[in-house]
Amino acid sequence: WVLGTLVPMGNLERAHSYKDKKARGLPADFG
């Protein structure tokens, strides 16, 4: 949580794991 308070949203939006799984139709949940 402490680390997350400093994390830019843009970093997470361009993370390969997130983009790849979204492209394969997996649920785009918080986890």
PDB file of all heavy atoms in Angstrom:
ATOM      1  N   TRP A   1       0.819  -1.207   0.000  1.00  0.00           N
ATOM      2  CA  TRP A   1       0.000   0.000   0.000  1.00  0.00           C
ATOM      3  C   TRP A   1       0.857   1.264   0.000  1.00  0.00           C
ATOM      4  O   TRP A   1       0.618   2.200  -0.775  1.00  0.00           O
ATOM      5  CB  TRP A   1      -0.953   0.027   1.197  1.00  0.00           C
ATOM      6  CG  TRP A   1      -1.745   1.304   1.214  1.00  0.00           C
ATOM      7  CD1 TRP A   1      -1.571   2.377   2.019  1.00  0.00           C
ATOM      8  CD2 TRP A   1      -2.820   1.617   0.325  1.00  0.00           C
ATOM      9  NE1 TRP A   1      -2.475   3.358   1.701  1.00  0.00           N
ATOM     10  CE2 TRP A   1      -3.252   2.929   0.657  1.00  0.00           C
ATOM     11  CE3 TRP A   1      -3.455   0.938  -0.708  1.00  0.00           C
ATOM     12  CZ2 TRP A   1      -4.294   3.560  -0.005  1.00  0.00           C
ATOM     13  CZ3 TRP A   1      -4.496   1.572  -1.373  1.00  0.00           C
ATOM     14  CH2 TRP A   1      -4.901   2.862  -1.028  1.00  0.00           C
ATOM     15  N   VAL A   2       1.873   1.286   0.860  1.00  0.00           N
ATOM     16  CA  VAL A   2       2.736   2.467   0.945  1.00  0.00           C
ATOM     17  C   VAL A   2       3.386   2.742  -0.403  1.00  0.00           C
ATOM     18  O   VAL A   2       3.408   3.884  -0.889  1.00  0.00           O
ATOM     19  CB  VAL A   2       3.800   2.283   2.042  1.00  0.00           C
ATOM     20  CG1 VAL A   2       4.869   3.370   1.957  1.00  0.00           C
ATOM     21  CG2 VAL A   2       3.152   2.290   3.423  1.00  0.00           C
ATOM     22  N   LEU A   3       3.911   1.713  -1.026  1.00  0.00           N
ATOM     23  CA  LEU A   3       4.535   1.876  -2.334  1.00  0.00           C
ATOM     24  C   LEU A   3       3.509   2.333  -3.371  1.00  0.00           C
ATOM     25  O   LEU A   3       3.792   3.203  -4.211  1.00  0.00           O
ATOM     26  CB  LEU A   3       5.169   0.547  -2.759  1.00  0.00           C
ATOM     27  CG  LEU A   3       6.173   0.577  -3.902  1.00  0.00           C
ATOM     28  CD1 LEU A   3       7.386   1.426  -3.544  1.00  0.00           C
ATOM     29  CD2 LEU A   3       6.601  -0.843  -4.250  1.00  0.00           C
ATOM     30  N   GLY A   4       2.311   1.764  -3.293  1.00  0.00           N
ATOM     31  CA  GLY A   4       1.276   2.101  -4.264  1.00  0.00           C
ATOM     32  C   GLY A   4       0.858   3.559  -4.248  1.00  0.00           C
ATOM     33  O   GLY A   4       0.379   4.084  -5.262  1.00  0.00           O
ATOM     34  N   THR A   5       1.052   4.245  -3.114  1.00  0.00           N
ATOM     35  CA  THR A   5       0.679   5.660  -3.057  1.00  0.00           C
ATOM     36  C   THR A   5       1.570   6.529  -3.933  1.00  0.00           C
ATOM     37  O   THR A   5       1.241   7.691  -4.195  1.00  0.00           O
ATOM     38  CB  THR A   5       0.743   6.193  -1.605  1.00  0.00           C
ATOM     39  OG1 THR A   5       2.082   6.121  -1.124  1.00  0.00           O
ATOM     40  CG2 THR A   5      -0.199   5.406  -0.696  1.00  0.00           C
ATOM     41  N   LEU A   6       2.687   5.967  -4.402  1.00  0.00           N
ATOM     42  CA  LEU A   6       3.618   6.717  -5.244  1.00  0.00           C
ATOM     43  C   LEU A   6       3.629   6.250  -6.702  1.00  0.00           C
ATOM     44  O   LEU A   6       4.335   6.827  -7.525  1.00  0.00           O
ATOM     45  CB  LEU A   6       5.040   6.577  -4.688  1.00  0.00           C
ATOM     46  CG  LEU A   6       5.309   7.205  -3.317  1.00  0.00           C
ATOM     47  CD1 LEU A   6       6.636   6.707  -2.767  1.00  0.00           C
ATOM     48  CD2 LEU A   6       5.319   8.714  -3.422  1.00  0.00           C
ATOM     49  N   VAL A   7       2.851   5.234  -7.016  1.00  0.00           N
ATOM     50  CA  VAL A   7       2.920   4.628  -8.345  1.00  0.00           C
ATOM     51  C   VAL A   7       2.046   5.393  -9.341  1.00  0.00           C
ATOM     52  O   VAL A   7       0.838   5.543  -9.119  1.00  0.00           O
ATOM     53  CB  VAL A   7       2.479   3.151  -8.294  1.00  0.00           C
ATOM     54  CG1 VAL A   7       2.325   2.584  -9.703  1.00  0.00           C
ATOM     55  CG2 VAL A   7       3.488   2.328  -7.506  1.00  0.00           C
ATOM     56  N   PRO A   8       2.623   5.872 -10.450  1.00  0.00           N
ATOM     57  CA  PRO A   8       1.823   6.556 -11.474  1.00  0.00           C
ATOM     58  C   PRO A   8       0.880   5.583 -12.186  1.00  0.00           C
ATOM     59  O   PRO A   8       1.282   4.470 -12.544  1.00  0.00           O
ATOM     60  CB  PRO A   8       2.878   7.095 -12.448  1.00  0.00           C
ATOM     61  CG  PRO A   8       4.173   7.050 -11.699  1.00  0.00           C
ATOM     62  CD  PRO A   8       4.062   5.892 -10.759  1.00  0.00           C
ATOM     63  N   MET A   9      -0.342   6.003 -12.398  1.00  0.00           N
ATOM     64  CA  MET A   9      -1.310   5.163 -13.101  1.00  0.00           C
ATOM     65  C   MET A   9      -0.814   4.787 -14.491  1.00  0.00           C
ATOM     66  O   MET A   9      -1.051   3.685 -14.976  1.00  0.00           O
ATOM     67  CB  MET A   9      -2.642   5.900 -13.205  1.00  0.00           C
ATOM     68  CG  MET A   9      -3.377   6.045 -11.890  1.00  0.00           C
ATOM     69  SD  MET A   9      -4.197   4.513 -11.407  1.00  0.00           S
ATOM     70  CE  MET A   9      -5.562   4.510 -12.564  1.00  0.00           C
ATOM     71  N   GLY A  10      -0.108   5.732 -15.120  1.00  0.00           N
ATOM     72  CA  GLY A  10       0.367   5.467 -16.480  1.00  0.00           C
ATOM     73  C   GLY A  10       1.285   4.270 -16.557  1.00  0.00           C
ATOM     74  O   GLY A  10       1.279   3.536 -17.553  1.00  0.00           O
ATOM     75  N   ASN A  11       2.095   4.051 -15.506  1.00  0.00           N
ATOM     76  CA  ASN A  11       2.971   2.870 -15.482  1.00  0.00           C
ATOM     77  C   ASN A  11       2.143   1.592 -15.546  1.00  0.00           C
ATOM     78  O   ASN A  11       2.449   0.659 -16.304  1.00  0.00           O
ATOM     79  CB  ASN A  11       3.812   2.849 -14.219  1.00  0.00           C
ATOM     80  CG  ASN A  11       4.955   3.842 -14.213  1.00  0.00           C
ATOM     81  OD1 ASN A  11       5.623   4.014 -13.209  1.00  0.00           O
ATOM     82  ND2 ASN A  11       5.205   4.534 -15.314  1.00  0.00           N
ATOM     83  N   LEU A  12       1.104   1.537 -14.719  1.00  0.00           N
ATOM     84  CA  LEU A  12       0.291   0.329 -14.648  1.00  0.00           C
ATOM     85  C   LEU A  12      -0.489   0.100 -15.934  1.00  0.00           C
ATOM     86  O   LEU A  12      -0.686  -1.034 -16.364  1.00  0.00           O
ATOM     87  CB  LEU A  12      -0.654   0.403 -13.449  1.00  0.00           C
ATOM     88  CG  LEU A  12       0.028   0.553 -12.085  1.00  0.00           C
ATOM     89  CD1 LEU A  12      -1.011   0.578 -10.974  1.00  0.00           C
ATOM     90  CD2 LEU A  12       1.026  -0.568 -11.841  1.00  0.00           C
ATOM     91  N   GLU A  13      -0.921   1.175 -16.554  1.00  0.00           N
ATOM     92  CA  GLU A  13      -1.704   1.049 -17.789  1.00  0.00           C
ATOM     93  C   GLU A  13      -0.883   0.508 -18.946  1.00  0.00           C
ATOM     94  O   GLU A  13      -1.431  -0.106 -19.861  1.00  0.00           O
ATOM     95  CB  GLU A  13      -2.300   2.408 -18.156  1.00  0.00           C
ATOM     96  CG  GLU A  13      -3.436   2.833 -17.229  1.00  0.00           C
ATOM     97  CD  GLU A  13      -3.847   4.283 -17.410  1.00  0.00           C
ATOM     98  OE1 GLU A  13      -3.080   5.034 -18.074  1.00  0.00           O
ATOM     99  OE2 GLU A  13      -4.912   4.672 -16.904  1.00  0.00           O
ATOM    100  N   ARG A  14       0.423   0.728 -18.887  1.00  0.00           N
ATOM    101  CA  ARG A  14       1.258   0.216 -19.991  1.00  0.00           C
ATOM    102  C   ARG A  14       2.062  -1.020 -19.600  1.00  0.00           C
ATOM    103  O   ARG A  14       2.942  -1.454 -20.345  1.00  0.00           O
ATOM    104  CB  ARG A  14       2.179   1.307 -20.524  1.00  0.00           C
ATOM    105  CG  ARG A  14       3.194   1.849 -19.564  1.00  0.00           C
ATOM    106  CD  ARG A  14       3.945   3.026 -20.204  1.00  0.00           C
ATOM    107  NE  ARG A  14       4.914   3.637 -19.311  1.00  0.00           N
ATOM    108  CZ  ARG A  14       6.163   3.234 -19.178  1.00  0.00           C
ATOM    109  NH1 ARG A  14       6.608   2.204 -19.882  1.00  0.00           N
ATOM    110  NH2 ARG A  14       6.981   3.846 -18.350  1.00  0.00           N
ATOM    111  N   ALA A  15       1.754  -1.611 -18.455  1.00  0.00           N
ATOM    112  CA  ALA A  15       2.434  -2.842 -18.046  1.00  0.00           C
ATOM    113  C   ALA A  15       2.110  -3.965 -19.029  1.00  0.00           C
ATOM    114  O   ALA A  15       0.951  -4.181 -19.394  1.00  0.00           O
ATOM    115  CB  ALA A  15       2.011  -3.237 -16.635  1.00  0.00           C
ATOM    116  N   HIS A  16       3.138  -4.699 -19.449  1.00  0.00           N
ATOM    117  CA  HIS A  16       2.945  -5.749 -20.455  1.00  0.00           C
ATOM    118  C   HIS A  16       1.935  -6.800 -19.999  1.00  0.00           C
ATOM    119  O   HIS A  16       1.096  -7.252 -20.781  1.00  0.00           O
ATOM    120  CB  HIS A  16       4.278  -6.434 -20.780  1.00  0.00           C
ATOM    121  CG  HIS A  16       5.280  -5.537 -21.426  1.00  0.00           C
ATOM    122  ND1 HIS A  16       4.925  -4.536 -22.308  1.00  0.00           N
ATOM    123  CD2 HIS A  16       6.637  -5.482 -21.324  1.00  0.00           C
ATOM    124  CE1 HIS A  16       6.025  -3.922 -22.718  1.00  0.00           C
ATOM    125  NE2 HIS A  16       7.071  -4.470 -22.137  1.00  0.00           N
ATOM    126  N   SER A  17       2.028  -7.204 -18.728  1.00  0.00           N
ATOM    127  CA  SER A  17       1.144  -8.271 -18.249  1.00  0.00           C
ATOM    128  C   SER A  17      -0.312  -7.847 -18.332  1.00  0.00           C
ATOM    129  O   SER A  17      -1.183  -8.634 -18.732  1.00  0.00           O
ATOM    130  CB  SER A  17       1.497  -8.639 -16.801  1.00  0.00           C
ATOM    131  OG  SER A  17       1.358  -7.513 -15.950  1.00  0.00           O
ATOM    132  N   TYR A  18      -0.590  -6.604 -17.972  1.00  0.00           N
ATOM    133  CA  TYR A  18      -1.963  -6.084 -18.014  1.00  0.00           C
ATOM    134  C   TYR A  18      -2.462  -5.979 -19.453  1.00  0.00           C
ATOM    135  O   TYR A  18      -3.559  -6.450 -19.794  1.00  0.00           O
ATOM    136  CB  TYR A  18      -1.983  -4.714 -17.329  1.00  0.00           C
ATOM    137  CG  TYR A  18      -3.308  -3.982 -17.400  1.00  0.00           C
ATOM    138  CD1 TYR A  18      -4.419  -4.462 -16.722  1.00  0.00           C
ATOM    139  CD2 TYR A  18      -3.432  -2.810 -18.139  1.00  0.00           C
ATOM    140  CE1 TYR A  18      -5.638  -3.787 -16.780  1.00  0.00           C
ATOM    141  CE2 TYR A  18      -4.630  -2.127 -18.199  1.00  0.00           C
ATOM    142  CZ  TYR A  18      -5.732  -2.621 -17.515  1.00  0.00           C
ATOM    143  OH  TYR A  18      -6.921  -1.959 -17.573  1.00  0.00           O
ATOM    144  N   LYS A  19      -1.649  -5.403 -20.322  1.00  0.00           N
ATOM    145  CA  LYS A  19      -2.057  -5.218 -21.717  1.00  0.00           C
ATOM    146  C   LYS A  19      -2.252  -6.566 -22.423  1.00  0.00           C
ATOM    147  O   LYS A  19      -3.201  -6.748 -23.181  1.00  0.00           O
ATOM    148  CB  LYS A  19      -1.014  -4.379 -22.452  1.00  0.00           C
ATOM    149  CG  LYS A  19      -0.978  -2.918 -21.992  1.00  0.00           C
ATOM    150  CD  LYS A  19       0.233  -2.179 -22.536  1.00  0.00           C
ATOM    151  CE  LYS A  19       0.174  -2.031 -24.044  1.00  0.00           C
ATOM    152  NZ  LYS A  19       1.315  -1.247 -24.549  1.00  0.00           N
ATOM    153  N   ASP A  20      -1.350  -7.500 -22.137  1.00  0.00           N
ATOM    154  CA  ASP A  20      -1.423  -8.809 -22.784  1.00  0.00           C
ATOM    155  C   ASP A  20      -2.682  -9.569 -22.367  1.00  0.00           C
ATOM    156  O   ASP A  20      -3.396 -10.117 -23.215  1.00  0.00           O
ATOM    157  CB  ASP A  20      -0.178  -9.626 -22.430  1.00  0.00           C
ATOM    158  CG  ASP A  20      -0.248 -11.050 -22.943  1.00  0.00           C
ATOM    159  OD1 ASP A  20      -0.328 -11.233 -24.169  1.00  0.00           O
ATOM    160  OD2 ASP A  20      -0.236 -11.984 -22.116  1.00  0.00           O
ATOM    161  N   LYS A  21      -2.968  -9.577 -21.068  1.00  0.00           N
ATOM    162  CA  LYS A  21      -4.121 -10.336 -20.594  1.00  0.00           C
ATOM    163  C   LYS A  21      -5.433  -9.683 -21.012  1.00  0.00           C
ATOM    164  O   LYS A  21      -6.417 -10.369 -21.301  1.00  0.00           O
ATOM    165  CB  LYS A  21      -4.026 -10.526 -19.089  1.00  0.00           C
ATOM    166  CG  LYS A  21      -2.903 -11.493 -18.725  1.00  0.00           C
ATOM    167  CD  LYS A  21      -2.730 -11.686 -17.235  1.00  0.00           C
ATOM    168  CE  LYS A  21      -1.576 -12.648 -16.980  1.00  0.00           C
ATOM    169  NZ  LYS A  21      -1.299 -12.833 -15.549  1.00  0.00           N
ATOM    170  N   LYS A  22      -5.457  -8.362 -21.040  1.00  0.00           N
ATOM    171  CA  LYS A  22      -6.644  -7.674 -21.547  1.00  0.00           C
ATOM    172  C   LYS A  22      -6.884  -8.028 -23.009  1.00  0.00           C
ATOM    173  O   LYS A  22      -8.008  -8.273 -23.438  1.00  0.00           O
ATOM    174  CB  LYS A  22      -6.475  -6.162 -21.404  1.00  0.00           C
ATOM    175  CG  LYS A  22      -7.047  -5.573 -20.135  1.00  0.00           C
ATOM    176  CD  LYS A  22      -7.144  -4.081 -20.207  1.00  0.00           C
ATOM    177  CE  LYS A  22      -8.274  -3.651 -21.123  1.00  0.00           C
ATOM    178  NZ  LYS A  22      -8.451  -2.186 -21.146  1.00  0.00           N
ATOM    179  N   ALA A  23      -5.791  -8.069 -23.789  1.00  0.00           N
ATOM    180  CA  ALA A  23      -5.906  -8.388 -25.219  1.00  0.00           C
ATOM    181  C   ALA A  23      -6.435  -9.796 -25.437  1.00  0.00           C
ATOM    182  O   ALA A  23      -7.081 -10.073 -26.447  1.00  0.00           O
ATOM    183  CB  ALA A  23      -4.543  -8.230 -25.897  1.00  0.00           C
ATOM    184  N   ARG A  24      -6.171 -10.695 -24.453  1.00  0.00           N
ATOM    185  CA  ARG A  24      -6.666 -12.073 -24.566  1.00  0.00           C
ATOM    186  C   ARG A  24      -8.040 -12.249 -23.940  1.00  0.00           C
ATOM    187  O   ARG A  24      -8.525 -13.361 -23.798  1.00  0.00           O
ATOM    188  CB  ARG A  24      -5.658 -13.038 -23.932  1.00  0.00           C
ATOM    189  CG  ARG A  24      -4.364 -13.133 -24.722  1.00  0.00           C
ATOM    190  CD  ARG A  24      -3.516 -14.328 -24.314  1.00  0.00           C
ATOM    191  NE  ARG A  24      -2.765 -14.094 -23.088  1.00  0.00           N
ATOM    192  CZ  ARG A  24      -2.907 -14.815 -21.996  1.00  0.00           C
ATOM    193  NH1 ARG A  24      -3.798 -15.790 -21.932  1.00  0.00           N
ATOM    194  NH2 ARG A  24      -2.177 -14.564 -20.933  1.00  0.00           N
ATOM    195  N   GLY A  25      -8.652 -11.128 -23.532  1.00  0.00           N
ATOM    196  CA  GLY A  25     -10.025 -11.179 -23.043  1.00  0.00           C
ATOM    197  C   GLY A  25     -10.186 -11.530 -21.590  1.00  0.00           C
ATOM    198  O   GLY A  25     -11.295 -11.825 -21.139  1.00  0.00           O
ATOM    199  N   LEU A  26      -9.081 -11.512 -20.808  1.00  0.00           N
ATOM    200  CA  LEU A  26      -9.188 -11.815 -19.385  1.00  0.00           C
ATOM    201  C   LEU A  26      -9.742 -10.604 -18.627  1.00  0.00           C
ATOM    202  O   LEU A  26      -9.575  -9.465 -19.062  1.00  0.00           O
ATOM    203  CB  LEU A  26      -7.815 -12.193 -18.824  1.00  0.00           C
ATOM    204  CG  LEU A  26      -7.219 -13.478 -19.398  1.00  0.00           C
ATOM    205  CD1 LEU A  26      -5.817 -13.698 -18.871  1.00  0.00           C
ATOM    206  CD2 LEU A  26      -8.095 -14.676 -19.075  1.00  0.00           C
ATOM    207  N   PRO A  27     -10.424 -10.825 -17.509  1.00  0.00           N
ATOM    208  CA  PRO A  27     -11.030  -9.712 -16.765  1.00  0.00           C
ATOM    209  C   PRO A  27      -9.978  -8.684 -16.322  1.00  0.00           C
ATOM    210  O   PRO A  27      -8.927  -9.045 -15.804  1.00  0.00           O
ATOM    211  CB  PRO A  27     -11.663 -10.392 -15.533  1.00  0.00           C
ATOM    212  CG  PRO A  27     -11.820 -11.818 -15.924  1.00  0.00           C
ATOM    213  CD  PRO A  27     -10.712 -12.124 -16.876  1.00  0.00           C
ATOM    214  N   ALA A  28     -10.284  -7.422 -16.548  1.00  0.00           N
ATOM    215  CA  ALA A  28      -9.364  -6.346 -16.183  1.00  0.00           C
ATOM    216  C   ALA A  28      -9.689  -5.859 -14.779  1.00  0.00           C
ATOM    217  O   ALA A  28     -10.154  -4.735 -14.586  1.00  0.00           O
ATOM    218  CB  ALA A  28      -9.452  -5.207 -17.193  1.00  0.00           C
ATOM    219  N   ASP A  29      -9.477  -6.703 -13.777  1.00  0.00           N
ATOM    220  CA  ASP A  29      -9.808  -6.333 -12.407  1.00  0.00           C
ATOM    221  C   ASP A  29      -8.606  -5.686 -11.720  1.00  0.00           C
ATOM    222  O   ASP A  29      -7.514  -5.591 -12.280  1.00  0.00           O
ATOM    223  CB  ASP A  29     -10.318  -7.542 -11.621  1.00  0.00           C
ATOM    224  CG  ASP A  29      -9.364  -8.730 -11.686  1.00  0.00           C
ATOM    225  OD1 ASP A  29      -8.151  -8.502 -11.872  1.00  0.00           O
ATOM    226  OD2 ASP A  29      -9.826  -9.876 -11.547  1.00  0.00           O
ATOM    227  N   PHE A  30      -8.817  -5.242 -10.482  1.00  0.00           N
ATOM    228  CA  PHE A  30      -7.776  -4.519  -9.757  1.00  0.00           C
ATOM    229  C   PHE A  30      -6.543  -5.378  -9.542  1.00  0.00           C
ATOM    230  O   PHE A  30      -5.409  -4.903  -9.645  1.00  0.00           O
ATOM    231  CB  PHE A  30      -8.320  -4.034  -8.403  1.00  0.00           C
ATOM    232  CG  PHE A  30      -7.271  -3.430  -7.519  1.00  0.00           C
ATOM    233  CD1 PHE A  30      -6.811  -2.140  -7.737  1.00  0.00           C
ATOM    234  CD2 PHE A  30      -6.712  -4.162  -6.477  1.00  0.00           C
ATOM    235  CE1 PHE A  30      -5.824  -1.588  -6.936  1.00  0.00           C
ATOM    236  CE2 PHE A  30      -5.723  -3.613  -5.669  1.00  0.00           C
ATOM    237  CZ  PHE A  30      -5.281  -2.319  -5.899  1.00  0.00           C
ATOM    238  N   GLY A  31      -6.737  -6.656  -9.222  1.00  0.00           N
ATOM    239  CA  GLY A  31      -5.600  -7.535  -8.963  1.00  0.00           C
ATOM    240  C   GLY A  31      -4.664  -7.610 -10.146  1.00  0.00           C
ATOM    241  O   GLY A  31      -3.434  -7.562  -9.995  1.00  0.00           O
TER     242      GLY A  31
END
